[in-house]
């Protein structure tokens, strides 16, 4: 399993995102429909999603390492850039799902609030520097 050691942290981050999303999904289901709304069928998607993300990350890693490494290295000097992009996409999908669950329960869009905070911070910094 040493061959996949460079990609293990990326898989772990994607799996952590799935676990966090699962907790938020359960929280949303309980808040919206009570404990009876939780179905094992929906929870089984966690297993298939975990396998899909893990295999996709490993697949791209093998393609990048053994087929496309030299070609990619001519354009981009970042190691495993394709694998990192796939991992980022997997995590981004889960973050979007977490945001949707949170918004369903609380009415607050975390990503929109974060965007507003960053924009306000940039404005405040630019006012201080000018």
N, C-alpha and C. Protein backbone atom coordinates (compact mmCIF):
# COMPACT_ATOMS: atom_id res chain seq x y z
N UNK A 1 0.81 -1.20 0.00
CA UNK A 1 0.00 0.00 0.00
C UNK A 1 0.86 1.26 0.00
N UNK A 2 2.18 1.08 -0.01
CA UNK A 2 3.08 2.24 -0.04
C UNK A 2 2.93 3.02 -1.34
N UNK A 3 2.46 2.36 -2.37
CA UNK A 3 2.33 3.03 -3.66
C UNK A 3 1.29 4.15 -3.61
N UNK A 4 0.28 4.01 -2.75
CA UNK A 4 -0.74 5.06 -2.67
C UNK A 4 -0.51 6.02 -1.50
N UNK A 5 0.63 5.91 -0.83
CA UNK A 5 0.87 6.77 0.33
C UNK A 5 0.82 8.27 0.02
N UNK A 6 1.24 8.73 -1.18
CA UNK A 6 1.13 10.17 -1.45
C UNK A 6 -0.32 10.67 -1.54
N UNK A 7 -1.23 9.76 -1.83
CA UNK A 7 -2.62 10.16 -2.05
C UNK A 7 -3.50 9.92 -0.82
N UNK A 8 -2.99 9.21 0.17
CA UNK A 8 -3.79 8.91 1.35
C UNK A 8 -4.36 10.15 2.04
N UNK A 9 -3.56 11.21 2.27
CA UNK A 9 -4.14 12.39 2.92
C UNK A 9 -5.31 13.00 2.15
N UNK A 10 -5.23 12.97 0.83
CA UNK A 10 -6.32 13.52 0.02
C UNK A 10 -7.58 12.66 0.15
N UNK A 11 -7.41 11.36 0.20
CA UNK A 11 -8.55 10.46 0.40
C UNK A 11 -9.14 10.69 1.78
N UNK A 12 -8.28 10.83 2.80
CA UNK A 12 -8.77 11.06 4.16
C UNK A 12 -9.57 12.35 4.27
N UNK A 13 -9.11 13.40 3.60
CA UNK A 13 -9.83 14.68 3.63
C UNK A 13 -11.20 14.53 2.96
N UNK A 14 -11.25 13.83 1.84
CA UNK A 14 -12.53 13.61 1.16
C UNK A 14 -13.47 12.78 2.03
N UNK A 15 -12.94 11.75 2.68
CA UNK A 15 -13.77 10.92 3.56
C UNK A 15 -14.25 11.71 4.77
N UNK A 16 -13.40 12.57 5.31
CA UNK A 16 -13.82 13.43 6.43
C UNK A 16 -14.95 14.36 6.01
N UNK A 17 -14.85 14.90 4.80
CA UNK A 17 -15.92 15.76 4.29
C UNK A 17 -17.23 14.99 4.16
N UNK A 18 -17.15 13.73 3.73
CA UNK A 18 -18.36 12.90 3.61
C UNK A 18 -18.95 12.65 4.99
N UNK A 19 -18.12 12.37 5.99
CA UNK A 19 -18.61 12.11 7.34
C UNK A 19 -19.28 13.36 7.91
N UNK A 20 -18.65 14.52 7.73
CA UNK A 20 -19.25 15.77 8.23
C UNK A 20 -20.57 16.03 7.52
N UNK A 21 -20.61 15.82 6.21
CA UNK A 21 -21.86 16.00 5.46
C UNK A 21 -22.94 15.05 5.94
N UNK A 22 -22.56 13.83 6.29
CA UNK A 22 -23.52 12.85 6.80
C UNK A 22 -24.13 13.33 8.11
N UNK A 23 -23.30 13.85 9.00
CA UNK A 23 -23.81 14.38 10.26
C UNK A 23 -24.77 15.55 10.03
N UNK A 24 -24.40 16.44 9.11
CA UNK A 24 -25.28 17.56 8.81
C UNK A 24 -26.58 17.08 8.16
N UNK A 25 -26.49 16.06 7.31
CA UNK A 25 -27.69 15.51 6.68
C UNK A 25 -28.62 14.86 7.70
N UNK A 26 -28.05 14.14 8.65
CA UNK A 26 -28.86 13.54 9.72
C UNK A 26 -29.50 14.64 10.56
N UNK A 27 -28.74 15.67 10.88
CA UNK A 27 -29.26 16.80 11.66
C UNK A 27 -30.43 17.45 10.93
N UNK A 28 -30.28 17.66 9.61
CA UNK A 28 -31.36 18.26 8.83
C UNK A 28 -32.59 17.35 8.82
N UNK A 29 -32.39 16.06 8.62
CA UNK A 29 -33.51 15.12 8.59
C UNK A 29 -34.26 15.09 9.92
N UNK A 30 -33.51 15.09 11.01
CA UNK A 30 -34.14 15.06 12.34
C UNK A 30 -34.90 16.35 12.59
N UNK A 31 -34.33 17.48 12.21
CA UNK A 31 -35.00 18.78 12.42
C UNK A 31 -36.25 18.93 11.55
N UNK A 32 -36.19 18.40 10.35
CA UNK A 32 -37.31 18.56 9.41
C UNK A 32 -38.39 17.50 9.58
N UNK A 33 -37.98 16.25 9.86
CA UNK A 33 -38.99 15.19 9.88
C UNK A 33 -38.91 14.25 11.07
N UNK A 34 -38.04 14.56 12.03
CA UNK A 34 -37.91 13.69 13.19
C UNK A 34 -37.05 12.48 12.89
N UNK A 35 -36.79 11.70 13.92
CA UNK A 35 -35.93 10.53 13.78
C UNK A 35 -36.49 9.49 12.82
N UNK A 36 -37.81 9.46 12.65
CA UNK A 36 -38.41 8.47 11.76
C UNK A 36 -38.10 8.75 10.28
N UNK A 37 -37.62 9.96 9.99
CA UNK A 37 -37.32 10.30 8.60
C UNK A 37 -35.97 9.76 8.14
N UNK A 38 -35.17 9.24 9.05
CA UNK A 38 -33.87 8.70 8.68
C UNK A 38 -34.06 7.29 8.12
N UNK A 39 -33.54 7.06 6.93
CA UNK A 39 -33.68 5.78 6.24
C UNK A 39 -32.30 5.17 6.01
N UNK A 40 -32.23 3.87 6.16
CA UNK A 40 -30.96 3.19 5.94
C UNK A 40 -30.54 3.28 4.48
N UNK A 41 -31.50 3.38 3.60
CA UNK A 41 -31.19 3.49 2.17
C UNK A 41 -30.38 4.74 1.90
N UNK A 42 -30.79 5.84 2.52
CA UNK A 42 -30.06 7.10 2.34
C UNK A 42 -28.67 7.02 2.98
N UNK A 43 -28.59 6.36 4.11
CA UNK A 43 -27.29 6.23 4.78
C UNK A 43 -26.35 5.32 4.00
N UNK A 44 -26.89 4.40 3.23
CA UNK A 44 -26.04 3.51 2.44
C UNK A 44 -25.32 4.27 1.32
N UNK A 45 -25.84 5.44 0.95
CA UNK A 45 -25.18 6.25 -0.06
C UNK A 45 -23.80 6.72 0.42
N UNK A 46 -23.63 6.78 1.74
CA UNK A 46 -22.34 7.18 2.30
C UNK A 46 -21.25 6.19 1.88
N UNK A 47 -21.57 4.92 1.91
CA UNK A 47 -20.60 3.89 1.54
C UNK A 47 -20.24 3.99 0.05
N UNK A 48 -21.26 4.09 -0.79
CA UNK A 48 -20.98 4.16 -2.22
C UNK A 48 -20.24 5.44 -2.58
N UNK A 49 -20.61 6.55 -1.94
CA UNK A 49 -19.93 7.81 -2.20
C UNK A 49 -18.47 7.75 -1.73
N UNK A 50 -18.23 7.14 -0.59
CA UNK A 50 -16.87 6.99 -0.07
C UNK A 50 -16.01 6.17 -1.03
N UNK A 51 -16.56 5.08 -1.51
CA UNK A 51 -15.82 4.25 -2.47
C UNK A 51 -15.58 4.99 -3.78
N UNK A 52 -16.60 5.67 -4.26
CA UNK A 52 -16.49 6.41 -5.52
C UNK A 52 -15.41 7.47 -5.42
N UNK A 53 -15.44 8.29 -4.38
CA UNK A 53 -14.45 9.35 -4.22
C UNK A 53 -13.05 8.76 -4.07
N UNK A 54 -12.91 7.73 -3.24
CA UNK A 54 -11.59 7.12 -3.01
C UNK A 54 -11.03 6.54 -4.31
N UNK A 55 -11.85 5.82 -5.03
CA UNK A 55 -11.40 5.21 -6.28
C UNK A 55 -11.10 6.26 -7.35
N UNK A 56 -11.90 7.31 -7.40
CA UNK A 56 -11.66 8.37 -8.38
C UNK A 56 -10.33 9.07 -8.09
N UNK A 57 -10.08 9.36 -6.83
CA UNK A 57 -8.82 10.01 -6.46
C UNK A 57 -7.64 9.10 -6.79
N UNK A 58 -7.75 7.81 -6.46
CA UNK A 58 -6.65 6.88 -6.76
C UNK A 58 -6.47 6.70 -8.27
N UNK A 59 -7.56 6.62 -9.01
CA UNK A 59 -7.49 6.46 -10.46
C UNK A 59 -6.75 7.61 -11.11
N UNK A 60 -7.13 8.83 -10.73
CA UNK A 60 -6.46 10.01 -11.30
C UNK A 60 -4.99 10.04 -10.86
N UNK A 61 -4.72 9.63 -9.63
CA UNK A 61 -3.35 9.56 -9.14
C UNK A 61 -2.51 8.63 -10.01
N UNK A 62 -3.03 7.44 -10.29
CA UNK A 62 -2.27 6.49 -11.12
C UNK A 62 -2.07 7.01 -12.54
N UNK A 63 -3.09 7.61 -13.10
CA UNK A 63 -2.95 8.19 -14.45
C UNK A 63 -1.90 9.29 -14.43
N UNK A 64 -1.99 10.14 -13.43
CA UNK A 64 -1.05 11.26 -13.36
C UNK A 64 0.38 10.77 -13.11
N UNK A 65 0.55 9.84 -12.22
CA UNK A 65 1.89 9.37 -11.84
C UNK A 65 2.55 8.56 -12.95
N UNK A 66 1.80 7.69 -13.61
CA UNK A 66 2.41 6.76 -14.55
C UNK A 66 2.18 7.09 -16.03
N UNK A 67 1.28 8.00 -16.32
CA UNK A 67 1.01 8.30 -17.73
C UNK A 67 1.24 9.78 -18.04
N UNK A 68 0.64 10.66 -17.25
CA UNK A 68 0.62 12.08 -17.61
C UNK A 68 1.64 12.93 -16.85
N UNK A 69 2.45 12.35 -16.00
CA UNK A 69 3.34 13.14 -15.14
C UNK A 69 4.28 14.04 -15.94
N UNK A 70 4.94 13.50 -16.94
CA UNK A 70 5.90 14.28 -17.71
C UNK A 70 5.23 15.40 -18.48
N UNK A 71 4.08 15.11 -19.05
CA UNK A 71 3.35 16.12 -19.81
C UNK A 71 2.87 17.25 -18.90
N UNK A 72 2.29 16.90 -17.78
CA UNK A 72 1.79 17.91 -16.84
C UNK A 72 2.93 18.73 -16.27
N UNK A 73 4.07 18.09 -16.01
CA UNK A 73 5.22 18.78 -15.42
C UNK A 73 5.77 19.88 -16.33
N UNK A 74 5.57 19.77 -17.64
CA UNK A 74 6.02 20.82 -18.56
C UNK A 74 5.23 22.11 -18.38
N UNK A 75 3.99 22.01 -17.91
CA UNK A 75 3.14 23.18 -17.82
C UNK A 75 2.96 23.68 -16.38
N UNK A 76 2.93 22.75 -15.44
CA UNK A 76 2.63 23.10 -14.05
C UNK A 76 3.66 22.43 -13.15
N UNK A 77 4.23 23.20 -12.24
CA UNK A 77 5.29 22.68 -11.37
C UNK A 77 4.76 22.19 -10.02
N UNK A 78 3.49 21.93 -9.94
CA UNK A 78 2.89 21.45 -8.69
C UNK A 78 2.73 19.94 -8.79
N UNK A 79 3.29 19.24 -7.80
CA UNK A 79 3.17 17.78 -7.79
C UNK A 79 1.72 17.35 -7.61
N UNK A 80 1.31 16.34 -8.34
CA UNK A 80 -0.01 15.72 -8.24
C UNK A 80 -1.15 16.73 -8.40
N UNK A 81 -0.99 17.68 -9.28
CA UNK A 81 -2.00 18.73 -9.45
C UNK A 81 -3.35 18.17 -9.88
N UNK A 82 -3.36 17.19 -10.76
CA UNK A 82 -4.63 16.62 -11.21
C UNK A 82 -5.33 15.89 -10.07
N UNK A 83 -4.57 15.16 -9.28
CA UNK A 83 -5.14 14.44 -8.14
C UNK A 83 -5.67 15.43 -7.11
N UNK A 84 -4.94 16.50 -6.89
CA UNK A 84 -5.39 17.52 -5.95
C UNK A 84 -6.66 18.22 -6.44
N UNK A 85 -6.76 18.40 -7.75
CA UNK A 85 -7.97 19.03 -8.30
C UNK A 85 -9.19 18.12 -8.12
N UNK A 86 -9.03 16.84 -8.36
CA UNK A 86 -10.13 15.89 -8.17
C UNK A 86 -10.52 15.84 -6.69
N UNK A 87 -9.53 15.83 -5.81
CA UNK A 87 -9.81 15.82 -4.37
C UNK A 87 -10.55 17.09 -3.97
N UNK A 88 -10.10 18.22 -4.50
CA UNK A 88 -10.76 19.49 -4.21
C UNK A 88 -12.21 19.47 -4.68
N UNK A 89 -12.44 18.92 -5.87
CA UNK A 89 -13.81 18.84 -6.39
C UNK A 89 -14.69 18.00 -5.47
N UNK A 90 -14.17 16.86 -5.01
CA UNK A 90 -14.94 15.99 -4.11
C UNK A 90 -15.29 16.72 -2.82
N UNK A 91 -14.32 17.42 -2.26
CA UNK A 91 -14.56 18.15 -1.02
C UNK A 91 -15.52 19.32 -1.27
N UNK A 92 -15.37 20.00 -2.40
CA UNK A 92 -16.26 21.12 -2.72
C UNK A 92 -17.71 20.67 -2.84
N UNK A 93 -17.94 19.50 -3.42
CA UNK A 93 -19.30 18.96 -3.51
C UNK A 93 -19.87 18.74 -2.11
N UNK A 94 -19.06 18.21 -1.22
CA UNK A 94 -19.52 17.95 0.15
C UNK A 94 -19.75 19.26 0.92
N UNK A 95 -18.88 20.24 0.72
CA UNK A 95 -19.06 21.54 1.38
C UNK A 95 -20.36 22.18 0.92
N UNK A 96 -20.66 22.08 -0.37
CA UNK A 96 -21.92 22.63 -0.89
C UNK A 96 -23.11 21.92 -0.24
N UNK A 97 -23.02 20.61 -0.09
CA UNK A 97 -24.09 19.85 0.54
C UNK A 97 -24.24 20.22 2.02
N UNK A 98 -23.11 20.39 2.71
CA UNK A 98 -23.15 20.81 4.11
C UNK A 98 -23.82 22.17 4.22
N UNK A 99 -23.47 23.08 3.32
CA UNK A 99 -24.07 24.41 3.31
C UNK A 99 -25.58 24.34 3.08
N UNK A 100 -26.00 23.48 2.17
CA UNK A 100 -27.44 23.34 1.89
C UNK A 100 -28.18 22.80 3.12
N UNK A 101 -27.60 21.81 3.79
CA UNK A 101 -28.22 21.26 4.99
C UNK A 101 -28.33 22.31 6.08
N UNK A 102 -27.25 23.04 6.28
CA UNK A 102 -27.24 24.08 7.32
C UNK A 102 -28.26 25.17 6.99
N UNK A 103 -28.33 25.53 5.72
CA UNK A 103 -29.28 26.57 5.32
C UNK A 103 -30.73 26.10 5.48
N UNK A 104 -31.00 24.83 5.19
CA UNK A 104 -32.35 24.30 5.37
C UNK A 104 -32.82 24.39 6.82
N UNK A 105 -31.90 24.17 7.75
CA UNK A 105 -32.27 24.16 9.17
C UNK A 105 -32.28 25.56 9.75
N UNK A 106 -31.24 26.36 9.45
CA UNK A 106 -31.10 27.66 10.12
C UNK A 106 -31.53 28.84 9.27
N UNK A 107 -31.59 28.65 7.98
CA UNK A 107 -31.94 29.77 7.10
C UNK A 107 -30.73 30.64 6.75
N UNK A 108 -29.56 30.26 7.21
CA UNK A 108 -28.34 31.03 6.95
C UNK A 108 -27.46 30.28 5.96
N UNK A 109 -27.07 30.97 4.90
CA UNK A 109 -26.17 30.41 3.91
C UNK A 109 -24.74 30.73 4.35
N UNK A 110 -24.00 29.71 4.78
CA UNK A 110 -22.65 29.91 5.31
C UNK A 110 -21.72 30.48 4.23
N UNK A 111 -21.79 29.94 3.03
CA UNK A 111 -20.89 30.39 1.97
C UNK A 111 -21.16 31.84 1.59
N UNK A 112 -22.41 32.22 1.55
CA UNK A 112 -22.76 33.61 1.23
C UNK A 112 -22.29 34.54 2.35
N UNK A 113 -22.46 34.11 3.60
CA UNK A 113 -21.99 34.90 4.73
C UNK A 113 -20.48 35.05 4.71
N UNK A 114 -19.78 33.99 4.38
CA UNK A 114 -18.32 34.03 4.28
C UNK A 114 -17.88 34.97 3.18
N UNK A 115 -18.54 34.91 2.04
CA UNK A 115 -18.23 35.80 0.93
C UNK A 115 -18.44 37.26 1.32
N UNK A 116 -19.53 37.54 2.02
CA UNK A 116 -19.81 38.90 2.48
C UNK A 116 -18.74 39.36 3.47
N UNK A 117 -18.35 38.48 4.38
CA UNK A 117 -17.32 38.81 5.37
C UNK A 117 -15.99 39.15 4.68
N UNK A 118 -15.60 38.34 3.70
CA UNK A 118 -14.33 38.57 3.01
C UNK A 118 -14.39 39.88 2.22
N UNK A 119 -15.49 40.13 1.56
CA UNK A 119 -15.64 41.37 0.80
C UNK A 119 -15.56 42.58 1.72
N UNK A 120 -16.25 42.51 2.86
CA UNK A 120 -16.21 43.59 3.83
C UNK A 120 -14.80 43.79 4.38
N UNK A 121 -14.12 42.70 4.64
CA UNK A 121 -12.75 42.76 5.17
C UNK A 121 -11.82 43.42 4.16
N UNK A 122 -11.96 43.05 2.89
CA UNK A 122 -11.13 43.66 1.85
C UNK A 122 -11.39 45.15 1.77
N UNK A 123 -12.67 45.55 1.85
CA UNK A 123 -13.02 46.96 1.81
C UNK A 123 -12.41 47.70 3.00
N UNK A 124 -12.49 47.09 4.19
CA UNK A 124 -11.94 47.74 5.39
C UNK A 124 -10.43 47.87 5.28
N UNK A 125 -9.76 46.85 4.78
CA UNK A 125 -8.30 46.91 4.62
C UNK A 125 -7.91 47.96 3.60
N UNK A 126 -8.64 48.04 2.50
CA UNK A 126 -8.32 49.05 1.49
C UNK A 126 -8.55 50.47 2.00
N UNK A 127 -9.55 50.65 2.87
CA UNK A 127 -9.79 51.97 3.47
C UNK A 127 -8.66 52.35 4.41
N UNK A 128 -8.15 51.37 5.14
CA UNK A 128 -7.05 51.63 6.09
C UNK A 128 -5.75 51.93 5.38
N UNK A 129 -5.51 51.30 4.25
CA UNK A 129 -4.25 51.52 3.54
C UNK A 129 -4.27 52.76 2.68
N UNK A 130 -5.42 53.29 2.37
CA UNK A 130 -5.51 54.51 1.53
C UNK A 130 -5.63 55.73 2.35
